[in-house]
N, C-alpha and C. Protein backbone atom coordinates (compact mmCIF):
# COMPACT_ATOMS: atom_id res chain seq x y z
N UNK A 1 -2.84 -48.40 19.64
CA UNK A 1 -2.93 -49.16 18.72
C UNK A 1 -5.04 -49.73 18.67
N UNK A 2 -5.84 -49.01 18.00
CA UNK A 2 -6.88 -49.03 17.82
C UNK A 2 -7.79 -49.90 16.55
N UNK A 3 -8.56 -50.35 16.93
CA UNK A 3 -9.29 -51.27 15.45
C UNK A 3 -9.61 -49.89 14.28
N UNK A 4 -9.11 -51.04 13.33
CA UNK A 4 -9.32 -50.50 11.73
C UNK A 4 -10.81 -49.63 11.76
N UNK A 5 -11.11 -48.53 11.71
CA UNK A 5 -12.26 -47.92 10.99
C UNK A 5 -13.05 -48.21 10.12
N UNK A 6 -13.88 -48.64 9.88
CA UNK A 6 -14.55 -49.03 8.35
C UNK A 6 -14.94 -47.96 7.55
N UNK A 7 -15.27 -46.52 8.45
CA UNK A 7 -14.90 -45.18 7.63
C UNK A 7 -13.80 -45.12 6.76
N UNK A 8 -12.72 -45.45 7.50
CA UNK A 8 -11.24 -45.05 6.73
C UNK A 8 -11.23 -45.89 5.62
N UNK A 9 -11.58 -47.10 5.94
CA UNK A 9 -11.63 -48.11 5.00
C UNK A 9 -12.35 -47.67 3.56
N UNK A 10 -13.72 -47.23 4.09
CA UNK A 10 -14.65 -46.53 2.99
C UNK A 10 -13.78 -45.64 2.01
N UNK A 11 -13.38 -45.11 2.62
CA UNK A 11 -12.66 -43.84 2.34
C UNK A 11 -11.36 -44.19 1.26
N UNK A 12 -10.44 -45.34 1.57
CA UNK A 12 -9.81 -45.72 0.82
C UNK A 12 -10.61 -46.72 -0.29
N UNK A 13 -11.12 -47.06 0.04
CA UNK A 13 -11.99 -47.65 -1.41
C UNK A 13 -12.57 -46.73 -2.58
N UNK A 14 -13.12 -45.24 -2.05
CA UNK A 14 -13.29 -44.51 -2.71
C UNK A 14 -12.05 -43.81 -3.62
N UNK A 15 -11.06 -43.73 -2.64
CA UNK A 15 -10.09 -42.80 -3.36
C UNK A 15 -9.47 -43.83 -4.34
N UNK A 16 -8.93 -45.06 -3.87
CA UNK A 16 -8.45 -46.19 -4.66
C UNK A 16 -9.35 -46.09 -6.25
N UNK A 17 -10.72 -46.31 -5.87
CA UNK A 17 -11.68 -46.15 -7.16
C UNK A 17 -11.64 -45.32 -8.19
N UNK A 18 -11.44 -43.74 -7.46
CA UNK A 18 -11.06 -42.97 -8.44
C UNK A 18 -9.86 -42.92 -9.11
N UNK A 19 -8.92 -42.63 -8.67
CA UNK A 19 -7.51 -42.84 -8.92
C UNK A 19 -7.41 -44.56 -10.22
N UNK A 20 -7.94 -45.44 -9.60
CA UNK A 20 -7.95 -46.73 -10.49
C UNK A 20 -8.96 -46.26 -12.00
N UNK A 21 -9.58 -45.68 -11.54
CA UNK A 21 -10.84 -45.48 -12.86
C UNK A 21 -9.88 -44.41 -14.03
N UNK A 22 -9.05 -43.41 -13.30
CA UNK A 22 -8.21 -42.51 -14.10
C UNK A 22 -7.03 -43.46 -14.68
N UNK A 23 -6.38 -44.11 -14.15
CA UNK A 23 -5.62 -45.27 -14.47
C UNK A 23 -5.91 -45.95 -15.44
N UNK A 24 -7.02 -46.80 -15.53
CA UNK A 24 -7.85 -47.70 -16.27
C UNK A 24 -8.22 -47.33 -17.66
N UNK A 25 -8.71 -45.83 -17.45
CA UNK A 25 -9.25 -44.97 -18.58
C UNK A 25 -7.65 -44.91 -19.47
N UNK A 26 -6.57 -44.43 -18.89
CA UNK A 26 -5.65 -44.02 -19.69
C UNK A 26 -4.72 -45.25 -20.18
N UNK A 27 -4.70 -46.20 -19.44
CA UNK A 27 -3.95 -47.68 -19.60
C UNK A 27 -4.60 -48.66 -20.19
N UNK A 28 -5.76 -48.97 -20.18
CA UNK A 28 -6.46 -50.42 -20.43
C UNK A 28 -6.00 -50.72 -21.34
N UNK A 29 -5.59 -49.96 -22.67
CA UNK A 29 -5.42 -50.99 -24.06
C UNK A 29 -4.14 -51.72 -23.93
N UNK A 30 -2.92 -51.34 -22.95
CA UNK A 30 -2.03 -52.17 -22.54
C UNK A 30 -1.88 -53.42 -21.43
N UNK A 31 -3.63 -53.56 -20.75
CA UNK A 31 -3.76 -54.57 -19.58
C UNK A 31 -3.48 -55.65 -20.38
N UNK A 32 -2.98 -56.78 -19.90
CA UNK A 32 -3.06 -58.30 -20.11
C UNK A 32 -4.73 -58.63 -19.99
N UNK A 33 -4.80 -59.77 -20.79
CA UNK A 33 -5.97 -60.12 -19.89
C UNK A 33 -6.09 -60.60 -18.98
N UNK A 34 -7.60 -60.11 -18.30
CA UNK A 34 -8.09 -60.64 -16.74
C UNK A 34 -8.80 -62.06 -16.94
N UNK A 35 -8.07 -62.71 -16.45
CA UNK A 35 -8.89 -63.94 -16.33
C UNK A 35 -9.72 -64.04 -15.23
N UNK A 36 -10.23 -65.42 -14.87
CA UNK A 36 -10.77 -65.86 -13.56
C UNK A 36 -9.86 -66.00 -12.48
N UNK A 37 -8.50 -66.53 -12.56
CA UNK A 37 -7.44 -66.68 -11.86
C UNK A 37 -6.66 -65.07 -11.40
N UNK A 38 -7.09 -64.08 -11.99
CA UNK A 38 -6.60 -62.81 -11.59
C UNK A 38 -6.61 -62.47 -9.89
N UNK A 39 -7.73 -62.48 -9.38
CA UNK A 39 -7.76 -62.32 -7.85
C UNK A 39 -8.06 -63.19 -7.07
N UNK A 40 -7.52 -64.77 -7.40
CA UNK A 40 -7.92 -65.88 -6.74
C UNK A 40 -6.43 -65.92 -5.44
N UNK A 41 -5.55 -65.09 -5.44
CA UNK A 41 -4.47 -65.18 -4.80
C UNK A 41 -5.11 -64.12 -3.47
N UNK A 42 -6.01 -63.19 -3.63
CA UNK A 42 -6.66 -62.53 -2.63
C UNK A 42 -7.63 -63.41 -1.90
N UNK A 43 -8.25 -64.25 -2.67
CA UNK A 43 -9.17 -65.23 -1.83
C UNK A 43 -8.33 -65.96 -0.99
N UNK A 44 -7.43 -66.68 -1.40
CA UNK A 44 -6.27 -67.68 -0.79
C UNK A 44 -6.10 -67.02 0.12
N UNK A 45 -5.64 -65.70 0.32
CA UNK A 45 -5.34 -64.97 2.25
C UNK A 45 -6.44 -64.51 2.81
N UNK A 46 -7.75 -65.05 1.89
CA UNK A 46 -8.76 -64.20 2.63
C UNK A 46 -9.11 -65.82 3.62
N UNK A 47 -8.64 -66.64 3.02
CA UNK A 47 -9.26 -67.80 3.54
C UNK A 47 -8.43 -68.66 4.73
N UNK A 48 -7.20 -68.05 4.37
CA UNK A 48 -6.08 -68.09 5.63
C UNK A 48 -6.17 -67.26 6.39
N UNK A 49 -6.75 -66.11 6.33
CA UNK A 49 -7.07 -65.45 7.58
C UNK A 49 -8.48 -65.24 8.45
N UNK A 50 -9.23 -66.05 7.40
CA UNK A 50 -10.54 -66.37 8.40
C UNK A 50 -10.10 -67.92 9.25
N UNK A 51 -9.16 -68.80 8.59
CA UNK A 51 -9.11 -69.94 9.44
C UNK A 51 -8.21 -69.28 10.49
N UNK A 52 -7.19 -68.42 10.39
CA UNK A 52 -6.74 -67.81 11.45
C UNK A 52 -7.06 -67.30 12.68
N UNK A 53 -8.12 -66.41 12.31
CA UNK A 53 -8.99 -66.05 12.77
C UNK A 53 -9.60 -66.73 14.14
N UNK A 54 -10.34 -67.77 13.14
CA UNK A 54 -11.12 -68.78 14.11
C UNK A 54 -9.86 -69.76 15.11
N UNK A 55 -8.61 -69.66 14.81
CA UNK A 55 -7.94 -70.22 15.73
C UNK A 55 -7.52 -69.34 16.67
N UNK A 56 -7.15 -68.22 16.56
CA UNK A 56 -6.89 -67.03 17.42
C UNK A 56 -8.26 -66.94 18.54
N UNK A 57 -9.45 -67.20 17.88
CA UNK A 57 -10.82 -66.68 18.66
C UNK A 57 -11.01 -67.88 19.73
N UNK A 58 -10.96 -68.81 18.98
CA UNK A 58 -10.91 -70.21 20.10
C UNK A 58 -10.08 -70.43 21.19
N UNK A 59 -8.77 -69.87 20.76
CA UNK A 59 -7.44 -70.00 22.02
C UNK A 59 -7.71 -69.12 23.03
N UNK A 60 -8.54 -67.79 22.25
CA UNK A 60 -8.71 -66.44 23.31
C UNK A 60 -9.93 -66.63 24.43
N UNK A 61 -11.32 -67.24 23.83
CA UNK A 61 -12.03 -67.85 24.30
C UNK A 61 -11.72 -68.93 25.51
N UNK A 62 -11.00 -69.79 25.34
CA UNK A 62 -10.27 -70.71 26.09
C UNK A 62 -9.51 -70.22 27.12
N UNK A 63 -9.19 -69.19 27.38
CA UNK A 63 -8.10 -68.65 27.86
C UNK A 63 -6.69 -69.23 28.07
N UNK A 64 -6.16 -69.50 26.64
CA UNK A 64 -4.95 -69.85 26.57
C UNK A 64 -4.21 -69.13 26.05
N UNK A 65 -3.72 -67.72 26.65
CA UNK A 65 -3.05 -66.90 26.19
C UNK A 65 -1.83 -66.78 27.78
N UNK A 66 -0.97 -66.50 26.93
CA UNK A 66 0.32 -66.41 27.60
C UNK A 66 1.50 -67.41 26.99
N UNK A 67 2.61 -67.82 28.35
CA UNK A 67 3.45 -68.26 27.62
C UNK A 67 3.54 -70.21 27.85
N UNK A 68 4.09 -70.90 27.10
CA UNK A 68 4.05 -72.24 27.71
C UNK A 68 3.29 -72.94 26.10
N UNK A 69 3.35 -74.46 26.30
CA UNK A 69 3.14 -74.98 25.29
C UNK A 69 1.55 -75.13 24.93
N UNK A 70 1.38 -74.75 23.57
CA UNK A 70 0.04 -75.25 23.15
C UNK A 70 -0.73 -73.70 23.65
N UNK A 71 -0.17 -72.54 24.21
CA UNK A 71 -0.81 -71.30 24.42
C UNK A 71 -0.34 -70.31 23.14
N UNK A 72 -1.18 -69.38 23.20
CA UNK A 72 -0.98 -68.20 22.24
C UNK A 72 -0.44 -67.14 23.06
N UNK A 73 0.76 -67.00 22.32
CA UNK A 73 1.95 -65.80 22.99
C UNK A 73 1.15 -64.54 22.73
N UNK A 74 0.76 -63.50 24.05
CA UNK A 74 0.41 -62.37 23.19
C UNK A 74 1.38 -61.51 22.52
N UNK A 75 2.43 -61.65 22.36
CA UNK A 75 3.11 -60.92 21.02
C UNK A 75 2.56 -60.99 19.65
N UNK A 76 2.29 -62.69 19.71
CA UNK A 76 1.68 -63.18 18.49
C UNK A 76 0.63 -62.39 18.03
N UNK A 77 -0.43 -62.53 19.12
CA UNK A 77 -1.56 -61.68 18.88
C UNK A 77 -1.11 -60.52 18.62
N UNK A 78 -0.43 -59.53 18.76
CA UNK A 78 0.13 -58.18 18.77
C UNK A 78 0.27 -58.32 17.16
N UNK A 79 0.76 -59.10 17.03
CA UNK A 79 1.69 -59.06 15.36
C UNK A 79 0.37 -59.53 14.27
N UNK A 80 -0.66 -60.60 15.02
CA UNK A 80 -1.91 -60.73 14.27
C UNK A 80 -2.67 -59.29 13.97
N UNK A 81 -2.70 -58.62 15.13
CA UNK A 81 -3.25 -57.41 14.67
C UNK A 81 -2.70 -56.89 13.62
N UNK A 82 -1.64 -56.76 13.68
CA UNK A 82 -0.63 -55.98 12.98
C UNK A 82 -1.02 -56.16 11.20
N UNK A 83 -0.74 -57.27 11.05
CA UNK A 83 -0.91 -58.34 9.88
C UNK A 83 -2.53 -57.94 9.39
N UNK A 84 -3.37 -57.95 10.42
CA UNK A 84 -4.63 -58.00 10.20
C UNK A 84 -5.26 -56.38 9.85
N UNK A 85 -4.48 -55.41 10.08
CA UNK A 85 -4.87 -54.31 9.59
C UNK A 85 -4.21 -53.77 8.53
N UNK A 86 -3.02 -54.47 8.06
CA UNK A 86 -2.42 -54.64 6.63
C UNK A 86 -3.46 -55.18 5.97
N UNK A 87 -3.77 -56.19 6.01
CA UNK A 87 -4.80 -56.67 5.24
C UNK A 87 -6.08 -56.38 4.69
N UNK A 88 -6.67 -55.54 5.51
CA UNK A 88 -7.91 -54.78 5.51
C UNK A 88 -7.65 -53.35 4.69
N UNK A 89 -6.16 -53.13 4.73
CA UNK A 89 -5.80 -51.62 3.77
C UNK A 89 -5.91 -52.31 2.44
N UNK A 90 -5.14 -53.20 2.43
CA UNK A 90 -4.94 -54.18 1.04
C UNK A 90 -6.18 -54.26 0.39
N UNK A 91 -7.13 -54.86 1.45
CA UNK A 91 -8.51 -55.51 0.75
C UNK A 91 -8.97 -54.32 0.19
N UNK A 92 -9.18 -52.96 1.17
CA UNK A 92 -9.83 -51.39 0.71
C UNK A 92 -8.87 -51.16 -0.72
N UNK A 93 -7.93 -51.08 -0.74
CA UNK A 93 -7.54 -50.26 -1.99
C UNK A 93 -7.56 -51.72 -3.25
N UNK A 94 -7.59 -52.94 -2.74
CA UNK A 94 -7.37 -53.73 -3.86
C UNK A 94 -9.38 -53.85 -4.44
N UNK A 95 -10.25 -53.22 -3.41
CA UNK A 95 -11.45 -53.64 -3.87
C UNK A 95 -11.86 -52.01 -4.51
N UNK A 96 -11.45 -51.21 -4.22
CA UNK A 96 -11.44 -49.94 -4.48
C UNK A 96 -11.24 -50.07 -6.41
N UNK A 97 -9.84 -50.55 -6.63
CA UNK A 97 -9.39 -50.73 -7.97
C UNK A 97 -10.13 -51.74 -8.91
N UNK A 98 -10.33 -52.88 -8.13
CA UNK A 98 -11.07 -53.87 -9.13
C UNK A 98 -12.53 -53.08 -9.62
N UNK A 99 -13.30 -52.18 -8.43
CA UNK A 99 -14.54 -51.92 -8.91
C UNK A 99 -14.24 -50.66 -10.16
N UNK A 100 -13.24 -50.27 -10.16
CA UNK A 100 -12.49 -49.04 -11.03
C UNK A 100 -13.07 -49.84 -12.01
N UNK A 101 -12.00 -50.68 -12.27
CA UNK A 101 -11.77 -51.67 -13.46
C UNK A 101 -13.56 -52.01 -14.07
N UNK A 102 -14.22 -52.41 -12.86
CA UNK A 102 -15.63 -52.71 -13.19
C UNK A 102 -16.34 -51.72 -14.28
N UNK A 103 -15.98 -50.56 -13.52
CA UNK A 103 -16.70 -49.28 -13.81
C UNK A 103 -16.51 -48.97 -15.20
N UNK A 104 -15.29 -49.48 -15.41
CA UNK A 104 -14.76 -48.97 -17.09
C UNK A 104 -15.09 -49.80 -17.83
N UNK A 105 -15.40 -51.06 -17.41
CA UNK A 105 -15.55 -52.13 -18.53
C UNK A 105 -17.52 -52.36 -18.75
N UNK A 106 -18.01 -51.86 -17.72
CA UNK A 106 -19.38 -52.07 -17.72
C UNK A 106 -20.11 -51.01 -18.80
N UNK A 107 -20.05 -49.94 -19.17
CA UNK A 107 -20.56 -49.73 -20.42
C UNK A 107 -19.90 -49.93 -21.60
N UNK A 108 -18.77 -50.80 -22.10
CA UNK A 108 -18.34 -51.29 -22.93
C UNK A 108 -18.57 -52.41 -23.08
N UNK A 109 -19.66 -53.01 -22.86
CA UNK A 109 -19.81 -54.64 -22.74
C UNK A 109 -20.18 -55.15 -24.20
N UNK A 110 -20.62 -54.21 -25.15
CA UNK A 110 -20.71 -54.74 -26.56
C UNK A 110 -19.23 -54.97 -26.79
N UNK A 111 -17.98 -54.48 -26.45
CA UNK A 111 -16.60 -54.91 -26.96
C UNK A 111 -16.09 -55.96 -26.72
N UNK A 112 -15.96 -56.86 -27.85
CA UNK A 112 -15.30 -58.50 -27.29
C UNK A 112 -14.41 -58.49 -26.24
N UNK A 113 -13.18 -57.82 -26.05
CA UNK A 113 -12.11 -57.55 -24.92
C UNK A 113 -12.99 -57.20 -23.94
N UNK A 114 -13.69 -56.32 -23.81
CA UNK A 114 -14.43 -55.94 -22.41
C UNK A 114 -15.30 -57.00 -21.92
N UNK A 115 -15.92 -57.90 -22.53
CA UNK A 115 -16.94 -58.93 -21.94
C UNK A 115 -15.94 -59.92 -21.75
N UNK A 116 -14.81 -60.17 -22.19
CA UNK A 116 -13.57 -61.15 -22.04
C UNK A 116 -13.20 -60.82 -20.51
N UNK A 117 -12.89 -59.65 -20.18
CA UNK A 117 -12.34 -59.17 -19.18
C UNK A 117 -13.19 -58.78 -18.04
N UNK A 118 -14.70 -58.53 -17.89
CA UNK A 118 -15.59 -58.54 -17.35
C UNK A 118 -15.35 -59.73 -16.33
N UNK A 119 -15.41 -60.59 -16.10
CA UNK A 119 -15.61 -61.74 -15.19
C UNK A 119 -14.53 -61.89 -14.32
N UNK A 120 -13.20 -61.98 -14.89
CA UNK A 120 -12.25 -61.86 -13.99
C UNK A 120 -12.17 -60.56 -12.87
N UNK A 121 -12.73 -59.35 -13.58
CA UNK A 121 -12.39 -58.39 -12.62
C UNK A 121 -13.44 -59.01 -11.91
N UNK A 122 -14.93 -59.05 -11.91
CA UNK A 122 -15.85 -59.53 -10.89
C UNK A 122 -15.18 -60.33 -10.04
N UNK A 123 -14.87 -61.38 -10.36
CA UNK A 123 -14.06 -62.21 -9.27
C UNK A 123 -12.94 -61.95 -8.42
N UNK A 124 -12.41 -60.77 -8.90
CA UNK A 124 -11.29 -60.29 -8.32
C UNK A 124 -11.71 -59.24 -7.40
N UNK A 125 -12.75 -58.55 -7.79
CA UNK A 125 -13.31 -57.86 -6.99
C UNK A 125 -14.02 -58.55 -5.36
N UNK A 126 -14.68 -59.50 -5.87
CA UNK A 126 -15.44 -60.30 -4.74
C UNK A 126 -14.35 -60.78 -3.81
N UNK A 127 -13.15 -61.47 -4.48
CA UNK A 127 -12.06 -61.86 -3.67
C UNK A 127 -11.61 -60.69 -2.73
N UNK A 128 -11.41 -59.58 -3.37
CA UNK A 128 -10.81 -58.65 -2.56
C UNK A 128 -11.92 -58.01 -1.09
N UNK A 129 -13.24 -58.11 -1.59
CA UNK A 129 -13.81 -57.95 -0.44
C UNK A 129 -13.92 -58.73 0.37
N UNK A 130 -13.67 -60.19 0.09
CA UNK A 130 -13.49 -61.18 0.70
C UNK A 130 -12.66 -61.38 1.88
N UNK A 131 -11.05 -60.39 1.20
CA UNK A 131 -9.98 -60.21 2.18
C UNK A 131 -10.15 -58.81 2.89
N UNK A 132 -11.05 -58.19 2.91
CA UNK A 132 -11.30 -57.11 3.89
C UNK A 132 -12.12 -57.45 4.81
N UNK A 133 -13.42 -58.79 4.28
CA UNK A 133 -13.97 -59.08 5.35
C UNK A 133 -13.28 -59.72 6.50
N UNK A 134 -12.39 -60.55 5.96
CA UNK A 134 -11.45 -61.91 6.53
C UNK A 134 -10.55 -60.94 7.52
N UNK A 135 -9.97 -59.83 6.83
CA UNK A 135 -8.86 -59.12 7.84
C UNK A 135 -9.79 -58.79 8.79
N UNK A 136 -10.59 -57.87 8.54
CA UNK A 136 -11.58 -57.37 9.86
C UNK A 136 -12.04 -58.42 10.93
N UNK A 137 -12.65 -59.86 10.52
CA UNK A 137 -12.52 -60.76 11.17
C UNK A 137 -11.68 -61.42 11.98
N UNK A 138 -10.39 -61.56 11.18
CA UNK A 138 -9.27 -61.58 12.25
C UNK A 138 -8.95 -60.64 12.93
N UNK A 139 -9.00 -59.65 13.17
CA UNK A 139 -8.88 -58.37 14.01
C UNK A 139 -9.87 -58.70 14.79
N UNK A 140 -10.93 -58.61 14.69
CA UNK A 140 -12.13 -58.84 15.77
C UNK A 140 -11.64 -60.02 16.71
N UNK A 141 -11.21 -61.46 15.97
CA UNK A 141 -10.89 -62.41 17.01
C UNK A 141 -9.93 -62.08 17.94
N UNK A 142 -9.16 -61.19 17.54
CA UNK A 142 -7.89 -60.85 18.44
C UNK A 142 -8.26 -59.87 19.69
N UNK A 143 -9.33 -59.64 20.05
CA UNK A 143 -9.76 -58.72 20.88
C UNK A 143 -9.84 -59.75 22.14
N UNK A 144 -9.48 -59.22 23.34
CA UNK A 144 -9.75 -59.64 24.51
C UNK A 144 -11.33 -59.43 25.08
N UNK A 145 -11.96 -61.01 25.36
CA UNK A 145 -13.27 -60.58 26.02
C UNK A 145 -13.56 -59.64 26.87
N UNK A 146 -12.18 -58.98 27.49
CA UNK A 146 -13.06 -57.93 28.46
C UNK A 146 -12.75 -56.62 27.63
N UNK A 147 -12.16 -56.33 26.22
CA UNK A 147 -12.27 -55.16 25.55
C UNK A 147 -13.74 -54.43 25.56
N UNK A 148 -13.34 -53.11 25.45
CA UNK A 148 -14.78 -52.19 25.44
C UNK A 148 -15.09 -52.42 24.17
N UNK A 149 -15.94 -51.23 23.86
CA UNK A 149 -17.12 -51.64 22.28
C UNK A 149 -15.64 -51.96 21.36
N UNK A 150 -15.78 -52.17 20.21
CA UNK A 150 -15.11 -52.32 19.00
C UNK A 150 -14.90 -51.09 18.36
N UNK A 151 -15.79 -50.41 17.71
CA UNK A 151 -15.78 -49.24 17.28
C UNK A 151 -15.65 -47.91 17.98
N UNK A 152 -14.35 -47.18 17.64
CA UNK A 152 -14.01 -46.25 18.25
C UNK A 152 -15.27 -45.04 18.07
N UNK A 153 -15.96 -45.06 17.39
CA UNK A 153 -16.89 -43.88 17.31
C UNK A 153 -18.26 -44.51 18.21
N UNK A 154 -18.29 -45.78 18.37
CA UNK A 154 -19.07 -46.29 19.35
C UNK A 154 -18.58 -45.41 20.90
N UNK A 155 -17.34 -45.80 21.06
CA UNK A 155 -16.62 -45.76 22.41
C UNK A 155 -17.01 -43.89 22.70
N UNK A 156 -16.84 -43.01 21.77
CA UNK A 156 -17.24 -41.88 21.54
C UNK A 156 -18.66 -41.56 22.12
N UNK A 157 -19.03 -42.54 21.31
CA UNK A 157 -21.03 -41.87 21.55
C UNK A 157 -20.95 -42.79 23.22
N UNK A 158 -20.76 -43.78 23.59
CA UNK A 158 -20.82 -43.74 25.00
C UNK A 158 -20.28 -42.70 26.09
N UNK A 159 -19.12 -42.40 25.60
CA UNK A 159 -18.77 -41.59 26.52
C UNK A 159 -19.27 -40.05 26.54
N UNK A 160 -19.92 -39.87 25.63
CA UNK A 160 -20.91 -38.30 25.78
C UNK A 160 -22.16 -38.47 26.47
N UNK A 161 -22.36 -39.86 26.19
CA UNK A 161 -24.11 -40.20 26.65
C UNK A 161 -23.77 -40.34 28.83
N UNK A 162 -22.24 -40.70 28.92
CA UNK A 162 -22.16 -40.67 30.21
C UNK A 162 -22.09 -39.41 31.16
């Protein structure tokens, strides 16, 4: 299992944005009001993953991997990577969705409902981006100091040079 490629996440944001825009275009009139609290759950997960990443990174840097009290179990690190990868994909898809909502609301700023929904959608988009960044950070923190390049594209470029 390799690191999540940023290119793949960018494609996910784009595809989710296009599909989301079509859904918003067809269904916006049935949406509930978008408040500032709409995307806060994404921010809470992002903060949790950032703290989790800091703790994992600290233990790996200190060499506290292995079995025993106070040590980081290698299986826990592998599970953390899986959670980080899944969170990165969720963050990318949610970012695409909220950018689609913003793209739909932006030209309708003179309509009162769109004006009221825009701040909530903007906060949710920022929180989705924060989740994406935190998940990539958590994934990065799970790397062993002896690991090779983080980006598979960089690895391919290095092997072509040699």
